[in-house]
Structure formats: structure tokens, C-alpha cells
Amino acid sequence: MTKQPGRVPAAESDDPSADAASPSSRPLPAPGAAILALLALGWLTAMLWSTREATTSAAAGVTAISLSAFALPGVISAALVAGAAVALAAGNLLSRRYGDWATLRFAGAIGGGMLVGLAAALAINLTYFDTSTTNVIAGTTAAAAIIGGAVAGARSAPAVGAVVTAALGTLIFVVAFSRARDPLFDLFGAGDSQESVVNAAKWVSRTESLVAGLLAGLLAFGYLTWARRRALRHDPAAPALRWPAYLLAGAGPGLLLLLAEMIIRVGGRSLLDLASALSEADAVAQTSLGTSRVDNGIWVLFVGALTALIAFGRTLGPAHTDDEPDGSPEPVAARVDPEDDEASPAETFGTFDADPAKADPSR
């Protein structure tokens, strides 16, 4: 078989289609996308229900506005994650049926996000009291779901699935962590003075952000590892995800939290302004909560990215170079001592005989 100069064939195969695009070169799907979509929709429903119960049980007017402003971040974050999860499931379905077409996949992702947004907005308008804040909550929730669907239209479906999984786990953890706030306040020295309460609140917030970031990074790494194993079972030649995918997946929940904060400050500005105008205490509370949410998103971003990257690094083995042995036995010729190549005195003086009787008489 002749070889062209300057070309080193990757592999020789009798199959004429070996050089053609193989299925292993296609983007990997996101496993469990349908389950993620159901869980995210359930979480969004729970957030909408709890917000409705809080606002309807309160007195009409001032208290309802304040409670709506406090509940808005949870609803927007849940809508963002739900839109991304449903869009991811829709993208997997379209790719499985029509092949990997980037434009169709992105259109399906946008359509899935719009479907979630419209359903959430309709549920808010039908179940909430008809107040000045209802349309603000409905419109902002719909926008968050559509933006989440656009985010899920990225080509790397496993990375998006890892971000959705980690973000959903982070949101559930934040709500569950609220039960541990009072014991932690006592642990960090909250007393009767306002200064001790403020210091304890800072440490509680930092603890929450740190644990949430660790959880986000571990969930992202676990999901990508699971996706890799499933891909190898279906196709042993499936391409492996490199470290940027793990870095992005670990940082994704923090990025979604910061994106949700941007949506809240743009779409829900009128509601936040109404709540801040109620009293000076409400204005301080809204400013403090906004700053705390930004700090929490930054902490989750960096801690999650670092955790996922470290977890991925621990799975890597030592790198082998061309100069290093690969574990195969060394050739015998390579193990010969250089001094053994020198001729021995007996070989140099080949005519020398130890028997004096056969020696040359002239010596």
C-alpha cells in the first residue's frame, strides 16, 4: 500500500466509508432531559403556588406588594430553569427525529421556552388577584422562561443538561437551607445588638453560598460523568468532553442566578420600585436583598466552576509523551551496557593461544 508523503493515516480500514462523517462525530444528547423537564416544571409550579398563597393570605394593598417583591426572585429563577429544561427535552426530541440541525434545534428550544412562559403567565393571570403587580410578575416570568429556552439552544447538550441539573439542585438547596438559618445565626454569635445580627447574617449568607457552590459543582460533574458513560455504552468511539465543558457546567448555576437578577431588575423594576417606596425600611431591605443575591450568584459561579474542574482533574491519568516508555518491555539491544560493546582482550588478540606448546617459536 503506497502512502502519500506528508500524510500519516490515522487508521487503515477496508470500509470505504471510514473517512466519512460517523455518528460519533455528532453532538452528544443530554440524558434524562425529560425527567429534568418534569422536575423543573414541578419546581416552578411550587414557586407559583407558594407566591400565590403568600400574597392572597396577606391584606390587600401594601403587604401584597411587599410580599410579591420578596417572592419574585424565586419565581424568576424557577422559570429560567424550567424554560431551559423543557427546551433541552424538545431539542433532544427534534435531534432524534430529524437529525442534528442547529437551526431546527435552536427553534425548538425557543419554542419550548415560549410554551413554558405562556403557560406560567396564563396561570398567574388566572389564579392571582388582579392587582397592579400581577401583570408584572406574569410578564417577567414569561420572559425568563423564553430566555432559559434560548440558553438551552446551545450545541453542547450535555453541558446544558449539567447546568440545568446543578441549578435546580441549587435552588432546592437554598429553600431547604432556610430551615437551618436560625441555628446558624446563634452559632455565628447573633445577639441583642444590631451589629452582631448583621455580622451573623453575613456569615450565614457566605456559608449558604459556599455550600451551594460546592453542591452545584458536584452535581454538574456527576451529570457529565453519567452522560459520558451512557454515550460510551451506545458508541465506544463517542468523543469525550474536555475540561471547558466541566468548567462551564460548574459555573452555569451561578451564571443563571446572575442572569435571573438581571431579568428581575429590568422586567420587575416597577414592582421593586413600588415595594421600595412603601417605607424606608422596605427600601433598605430591597437594596440589601439585591446585593445579597448578586454576591450569592458570584460565589456559586466561582466555587461551582472550581469544584467541577478539580473533580474532573482528579479523573485524569498521567500524560505519556513519545520520549517516555509506555510500559512495554525495553528491547534487549537497548538494555546492553555500552561497555559490553568494547572488544575483549581475547577477541582483540584472536591469535593468542593459552597453550605454550602451540605458541609461535619466535616469541
Protein backbone atom coordinates (compact mmCIF):
# COMPACT_ATOMS: atom_id res chain seq x y z
CA MET A 1 0.00 0.00 0.00
CA THR A 2 1.52 3.31 -1.06
CA LYS A 3 1.39 6.31 1.19
CA GLN A 4 1.49 9.91 0.10
CA PRO A 5 4.41 11.86 1.51
CA GLY A 6 3.48 14.18 4.32
CA ARG A 7 0.39 12.23 5.32
CA VAL A 8 0.12 9.80 8.19
CA PRO A 9 -3.10 7.80 8.01
CA ALA A 10 -4.99 7.70 11.31
CA ALA A 11 -6.19 4.16 10.74
CA GLU A 12 -6.42 1.75 7.89
CA SER A 13 -9.79 0.22 7.21
CA ASP A 14 -11.33 -1.90 4.49
CA ASP A 15 -14.58 0.02 4.90
CA PRO A 16 -14.79 2.68 2.18
CA SER A 17 -16.93 4.86 4.43
CA ALA A 18 -14.33 5.07 7.17
CA ASP A 19 -13.36 8.60 6.20
CA ALA A 20 -16.96 9.78 6.09
CA ALA A 21 -18.66 11.54 8.95
CA SER A 22 -19.51 8.93 11.55
CA PRO A 23 -22.26 9.10 14.16
CA SER A 24 -19.61 9.54 16.84
CA SER A 25 -18.79 12.96 15.43
CA ARG A 26 -22.31 14.22 16.13
CA PRO A 27 -23.03 16.20 19.28
CA LEU A 28 -23.96 14.06 22.26
CA PRO A 29 -27.55 14.24 23.57
CA ALA A 30 -28.43 15.26 27.11
CA PRO A 31 -29.57 12.16 29.01
CA GLY A 32 -32.56 12.39 31.29
CA ALA A 33 -33.81 15.63 29.72
CA ALA A 34 -37.46 14.60 30.03
CA ILE A 35 -37.07 13.88 33.75
CA LEU A 36 -35.28 17.21 34.25
CA ALA A 37 -38.14 18.97 32.47
CA LEU A 38 -40.75 17.37 34.74
CA LEU A 39 -38.78 18.22 37.87
CA ALA A 40 -38.20 21.81 36.77
CA LEU A 41 -41.87 22.28 35.89
CA GLY A 42 -42.84 20.87 39.26
CA TRP A 43 -40.50 23.30 41.00
CA LEU A 44 -41.91 26.24 39.01
CA THR A 45 -45.43 25.18 39.94
CA ALA A 46 -44.46 25.01 43.60
CA MET A 47 -42.92 28.51 43.46
CA LEU A 48 -46.00 29.97 41.76
CA TRP A 49 -48.31 28.29 44.26
CA SER A 50 -46.34 29.48 47.30
CA THR A 51 -46.25 33.03 45.94
CA ARG A 52 -50.00 32.97 45.35
CA GLU A 53 -50.65 31.67 48.85
CA ALA A 54 -48.42 34.33 50.39
CA THR A 55 -50.00 37.22 48.51
CA THR A 56 -53.63 36.13 48.86
CA SER A 57 -53.36 35.39 52.58
CA ALA A 58 -51.97 38.87 53.26
CA ALA A 59 -54.01 42.02 53.48
CA ALA A 60 -54.67 43.68 50.16
CA GLY A 61 -52.54 46.60 49.09
CA VAL A 62 -49.26 47.39 50.83
CA THR A 63 -48.48 43.93 52.23
CA ALA A 64 -49.28 42.15 48.97
CA ILE A 65 -46.88 44.40 47.06
CA SER A 66 -44.08 43.80 49.54
CA LEU A 67 -44.58 40.04 49.55
CA SER A 68 -44.74 39.93 45.75
CA ALA A 69 -41.38 41.73 45.57
CA PHE A 70 -39.85 39.27 48.02
CA ALA A 71 -41.21 36.25 46.13
CA LEU A 72 -40.31 37.48 42.64
CA PRO A 73 -36.66 36.21 42.60
CA GLY A 74 -37.71 32.65 43.40
CA VAL A 75 -40.33 32.63 40.64
CA ILE A 76 -37.97 34.11 38.04
CA SER A 77 -35.16 31.65 38.85
CA ALA A 78 -37.58 28.72 38.66
CA ALA A 79 -38.99 29.95 35.33
CA LEU A 80 -35.47 30.36 33.90
CA VAL A 81 -34.51 26.79 34.82
CA ALA A 82 -37.87 25.35 33.71
CA GLY A 83 -37.64 27.04 30.32
CA ALA A 84 -34.13 25.66 29.81
CA ALA A 85 -35.13 22.14 30.89
CA VAL A 86 -38.20 21.94 28.62
CA ALA A 87 -36.22 23.41 25.73
CA LEU A 88 -33.49 20.82 26.28
CA ALA A 89 -36.02 18.00 26.13
CA ALA A 90 -37.55 19.48 22.97
CA GLY A 91 -34.11 19.78 21.36
CA ASN A 92 -33.33 16.14 22.12
CA LEU A 93 -36.63 15.07 20.60
CA LEU A 94 -36.05 17.07 17.41
CA SER A 95 -32.47 15.83 17.06
CA ARG A 96 -33.57 12.23 17.47
CA ARG A 97 -36.27 12.57 14.84
CA TYR A 98 -34.83 14.98 12.29
CA GLY A 99 -31.10 14.74 12.89
CA ASP A 100 -28.66 17.28 14.20
CA TRP A 101 -29.72 20.53 12.54
CA ALA A 102 -28.57 23.53 14.54
CA THR A 103 -31.26 25.91 13.27
CA LEU A 104 -34.09 23.47 13.95
CA ARG A 105 -32.68 22.67 17.38
CA PHE A 106 -32.49 26.34 18.34
CA ALA A 107 -36.01 26.99 17.03
CA GLY A 108 -37.31 24.06 19.06
CA ALA A 109 -35.54 25.38 22.16
CA ILE A 110 -37.11 28.82 21.75
CA GLY A 111 -40.50 27.19 21.19
CA GLY A 112 -40.16 25.13 24.37
CA GLY A 113 -39.24 28.21 26.40
CA MET A 114 -42.16 30.17 24.95
CA LEU A 115 -44.55 27.33 25.80
CA VAL A 116 -43.42 27.34 29.43
CA GLY A 117 -43.54 31.14 29.62
CA LEU A 118 -47.03 31.41 28.18
CA ALA A 119 -48.35 28.65 30.45
CA ALA A 120 -46.85 30.31 33.53
CA ALA A 121 -48.16 33.75 32.58
CA LEU A 122 -51.63 32.34 31.96
CA ALA A 123 -51.61 30.54 35.32
CA ILE A 124 -50.58 33.75 37.11
CA ASN A 125 -53.30 35.83 35.46
CA LEU A 126 -55.97 33.23 36.20
CA THR A 127 -55.08 32.40 39.80
CA TYR A 128 -53.59 35.59 41.22
CA PHE A 129 -55.61 38.60 42.30
CA ASP A 130 -55.99 41.22 39.59
CA THR A 131 -53.63 43.84 41.02
CA SER A 132 -51.07 46.18 39.55
CA THR A 133 -48.31 43.66 40.25
CA THR A 134 -49.92 40.63 38.60
CA ASN A 135 -49.05 41.62 35.05
CA VAL A 136 -45.51 42.48 36.08
CA ILE A 137 -44.98 39.04 37.61
CA ALA A 138 -46.61 37.30 34.62
CA GLY A 139 -44.62 39.20 32.00
CA THR A 140 -41.29 38.83 33.79
CA THR A 141 -41.87 35.12 34.34
CA ALA A 142 -42.67 34.58 30.65
CA ALA A 143 -39.54 36.49 29.63
CA ALA A 144 -37.38 34.41 31.97
CA ALA A 145 -38.72 31.15 30.55
CA ILE A 146 -38.06 32.26 26.97
CA ILE A 147 -34.51 33.35 27.83
CA GLY A 148 -33.94 30.00 29.51
CA GLY A 149 -35.09 28.27 26.33
CA ALA A 150 -32.65 30.32 24.28
CA VAL A 151 -29.82 29.31 26.62
CA ALA A 152 -30.72 25.64 26.14
CA GLY A 153 -30.33 26.02 22.37
CA ALA A 154 -26.55 25.70 22.69
CA ARG A 155 -24.88 22.91 20.72
CA SER A 156 -23.33 21.15 23.73
CA ALA A 157 -26.47 19.47 25.10
CA PRO A 158 -24.72 17.54 27.92
CA ALA A 159 -23.21 20.75 29.29
CA VAL A 160 -26.63 22.42 29.25
CA GLY A 161 -28.15 19.41 30.98
CA ALA A 162 -25.46 19.61 33.66
CA VAL A 163 -26.18 23.32 34.17
CA VAL A 164 -29.92 22.67 34.50
CA THR A 165 -29.36 19.80 36.94
CA ALA A 166 -26.96 21.80 39.09
CA ALA A 167 -29.12 24.93 39.01
CA LEU A 168 -32.24 23.01 40.01
CA GLY A 169 -30.38 21.33 42.85
CA THR A 170 -29.04 24.71 43.99
CA LEU A 171 -32.50 26.31 44.05
CA ILE A 172 -33.93 23.44 46.07
CA PHE A 173 -30.99 23.62 48.47
CA VAL A 174 -31.46 27.36 49.04
CA VAL A 175 -35.08 26.81 50.06
CA ALA A 176 -34.17 23.87 52.29
CA PHE A 177 -31.32 25.86 53.84
CA SER A 178 -33.80 28.37 55.24
CA ARG A 179 -34.65 25.85 57.97
CA ALA A 180 -31.05 26.00 59.21
CA ARG A 181 -30.79 29.79 59.33
CA ASP A 182 -31.89 30.24 62.94
CA PRO A 183 -29.40 27.71 64.41
CA LEU A 184 -26.63 29.22 62.28
CA PHE A 185 -27.47 32.72 63.49
CA ASP A 186 -26.97 31.51 67.03
CA LEU A 187 -23.79 29.69 66.03
CA PHE A 188 -22.28 32.81 64.50
CA GLY A 189 -22.97 34.92 67.57
CA ALA A 190 -26.16 36.83 66.79
CA GLY A 191 -27.15 38.66 69.96
CA ASP A 192 -29.27 41.58 71.05
CA SER A 193 -27.17 44.22 69.29
CA GLN A 194 -27.85 45.08 65.66
CA GLU A 195 -24.15 44.82 64.79
CA SER A 196 -23.95 41.20 65.93
CA VAL A 197 -27.07 40.34 63.93
CA VAL A 198 -25.61 41.94 60.77
CA ASN A 199 -22.29 40.12 61.18
CA ALA A 200 -24.04 36.82 61.78
CA ALA A 201 -26.21 37.39 58.70
CA LYS A 202 -23.09 37.90 56.58
CA TRP A 203 -21.56 34.65 57.76
CA VAL A 204 -24.81 32.75 57.25
CA SER A 205 -25.05 34.10 53.69
CA ARG A 206 -21.46 33.16 52.95
CA THR A 207 -21.97 29.66 54.32
CA GLU A 208 -25.07 29.23 52.18
CA SER A 209 -23.27 30.43 49.05
CA LEU A 210 -20.23 28.25 49.69
CA VAL A 211 -22.24 25.07 50.23
CA ALA A 212 -24.47 25.89 47.24
CA GLY A 213 -21.39 26.34 45.03
CA LEU A 214 -19.92 23.03 46.17
CA LEU A 215 -23.23 21.30 45.50
CA ALA A 216 -23.52 22.91 42.07
CA GLY A 217 -20.02 21.82 41.05
CA LEU A 218 -20.51 18.24 42.24
CA LEU A 219 -23.90 17.92 40.54
CA ALA A 220 -22.52 19.28 37.27
CA PHE A 221 -19.55 16.90 37.37
CA GLY A 222 -21.77 13.94 38.26
CA TYR A 223 -24.17 14.65 35.42
CA LEU A 224 -21.38 14.98 32.82
CA THR A 225 -19.76 11.77 34.06
CA TRP A 226 -23.10 9.97 33.77
CA ALA A 227 -23.64 11.39 30.27
CA ARG A 228 -20.17 10.24 29.22
CA ARG A 229 -20.76 6.67 30.44
CA ARG A 230 -24.11 6.46 28.65
CA ALA A 231 -22.54 7.73 25.45
CA LEU A 232 -19.77 5.12 25.65
CA ARG A 233 -22.30 2.33 26.12
CA HIS A 234 -24.07 3.34 22.92
CA ASP A 235 -20.95 4.22 20.93
CA PRO A 236 -17.45 3.34 22.21
CA ALA A 237 -15.99 5.90 19.78
CA ALA A 238 -18.05 8.79 21.18
CA PRO A 239 -15.96 11.95 21.66
CA ALA A 240 -15.00 12.82 25.21
CA LEU A 241 -15.89 16.17 26.73
CA ARG A 242 -12.87 18.31 27.55
CA TRP A 243 -12.24 20.48 30.60
CA PRO A 244 -14.02 23.66 29.29
CA ALA A 245 -17.32 21.75 29.36
CA TYR A 246 -16.83 20.90 33.04
CA LEU A 247 -15.78 24.46 33.81
CA LEU A 248 -18.86 25.88 32.09
CA ALA A 249 -21.18 23.34 33.72
CA GLY A 250 -19.87 24.15 37.18
CA ALA A 251 -20.15 27.89 36.62
CA GLY A 252 -23.55 27.61 34.92
CA PRO A 253 -25.78 27.77 38.03
CA GLY A 254 -24.05 30.96 39.18
CA LEU A 255 -24.43 32.44 35.71
CA LEU A 256 -28.14 31.58 35.73
CA LEU A 257 -28.56 33.25 39.13
CA LEU A 258 -26.89 36.41 37.85
CA LEU A 259 -28.99 36.28 34.69
CA ALA A 260 -32.13 35.94 36.80
CA GLU A 261 -31.07 39.01 38.79
CA MET A 262 -30.71 40.99 35.56
CA ILE A 263 -34.20 39.90 34.46
CA ILE A 264 -35.61 40.90 37.85
CA ARG A 265 -34.04 44.36 37.75
CA VAL A 266 -35.17 45.01 34.18
CA GLY A 267 -38.57 43.32 33.94
CA GLY A 268 -39.58 43.67 37.58
CA ARG A 269 -38.29 47.20 38.09
CA SER A 270 -41.74 48.67 38.59
CA LEU A 271 -42.61 46.10 41.28
CA LEU A 272 -39.31 46.66 43.11
CA ASP A 273 -39.82 50.42 42.97
CA LEU A 274 -43.32 50.09 44.43
CA ALA A 275 -42.02 47.92 47.25
CA SER A 276 -39.12 50.28 47.97
CA ALA A 277 -41.46 53.28 48.09
CA LEU A 278 -43.57 51.81 50.87
CA SER A 279 -41.19 52.82 53.64
CA GLU A 280 -37.55 53.46 54.35
CA ALA A 281 -37.20 50.00 55.88
CA ASP A 282 -38.58 48.39 52.73
CA ALA A 283 -36.16 50.37 50.58
CA VAL A 284 -33.21 49.22 52.70
CA ALA A 285 -34.48 45.64 52.63
CA GLN A 286 -34.84 45.57 48.84
CA THR A 287 -31.36 47.04 48.35
CA SER A 288 -29.84 44.60 50.81
CA LEU A 289 -31.57 41.62 49.24
CA GLY A 290 -30.48 42.64 45.75
CA THR A 291 -26.85 42.93 46.84
CA SER A 292 -27.06 39.59 48.63
CA ARG A 293 -28.43 37.86 45.53
CA VAL A 294 -25.59 39.22 43.38
CA ASP A 295 -22.98 38.12 45.92
CA ASN A 296 -24.60 34.70 46.12
CA GLY A 297 -24.52 34.31 42.34
CA ILE A 298 -20.83 35.25 42.18
CA TRP A 299 -19.92 32.82 44.96
CA VAL A 300 -21.85 29.99 43.33
CA LEU A 301 -20.25 30.78 39.97
CA PHE A 302 -16.63 30.61 41.13
CA VAL A 303 -16.98 27.86 43.73
CA GLY A 304 -19.03 25.69 41.38
CA ALA A 305 -16.59 26.13 38.49
CA LEU A 306 -13.59 25.37 40.71
CA THR A 307 -15.26 22.32 42.26
CA ALA A 308 -16.23 20.81 38.89
CA LEU A 309 -12.78 21.47 37.45
CA ILE A 310 -10.98 19.89 40.41
CA ALA A 311 -13.29 16.86 40.31
CA PHE A 312 -12.58 16.46 36.59
CA GLY A 313 -8.84 16.84 37.12
CA ARG A 314 -8.79 14.03 39.65
CA THR A 315 -10.09 11.64 36.97
CA LEU A 316 -7.19 12.32 34.61
CA GLY A 317 -4.26 9.94 34.46
CA PRO A 318 -0.60 10.80 33.90
CA ALA A 319 0.21 12.01 30.42
CA HIS A 320 2.60 9.95 28.27
CA THR A 321 4.98 11.55 25.81
CA ASP A 322 6.87 10.00 22.93
CA ASP A 323 10.14 10.10 24.91
CA GLU A 324 8.69 8.25 27.91
CA PRO A 325 8.28 4.45 28.00
CA ASP A 326 4.73 3.27 27.62
CA GLY A 327 5.12 0.27 29.91
CA SER A 328 6.24 -2.16 27.19
CA PRO A 329 9.41 -4.17 27.83
CA GLU A 330 12.56 -2.50 26.65
CA PRO A 331 14.34 -4.19 23.72
CA VAL A 332 17.27 -6.37 24.61
CA ALA A 333 19.62 -4.30 22.49
CA ALA A 334 18.67 -1.20 24.42
CA ARG A 335 19.46 -2.86 27.75
CA VAL A 336 23.04 -3.83 26.77
CA ASP A 337 25.67 -1.97 28.73
CA PRO A 338 27.74 0.30 26.45
CA GLU A 339 30.87 -1.14 28.00
CA ASP A 340 29.83 -4.57 26.70
CA ASP A 341 30.29 -3.32 23.14
CA GLU A 342 34.03 -2.97 23.64
CA ALA A 343 36.06 -5.88 22.36
CA SER A 344 37.60 -8.17 24.97
CA PRO A 345 41.38 -8.82 25.01
CA ALA A 346 40.75 -12.33 23.78
CA GLU A 347 38.83 -11.01 20.80
CA THR A 348 41.42 -8.36 20.07
CA PHE A 349 44.28 -10.79 20.02
CA GLY A 350 42.48 -13.59 18.30
CA THR A 351 45.71 -15.49 17.55
CA PHE A 352 46.68 -15.72 21.18
CA ASP A 353 46.61 -19.26 22.49
CA ALA A 354 47.00 -20.18 26.10
CA ASP A 355 48.88 -23.41 25.24
CA PRO A 356 52.63 -22.72 25.24
CA ALA A 357 53.27 -25.71 23.05
CA LYS A 358 51.35 -24.17 20.21
CA ALA A 359 52.83 -20.77 20.60
CA ASP A 360 54.97 -19.19 17.91
CA PRO A 361 58.63 -20.25 18.44
CA SER A 362 59.83 -16.77 17.60
CA ARG A 363 58.23 -15.34 20.77
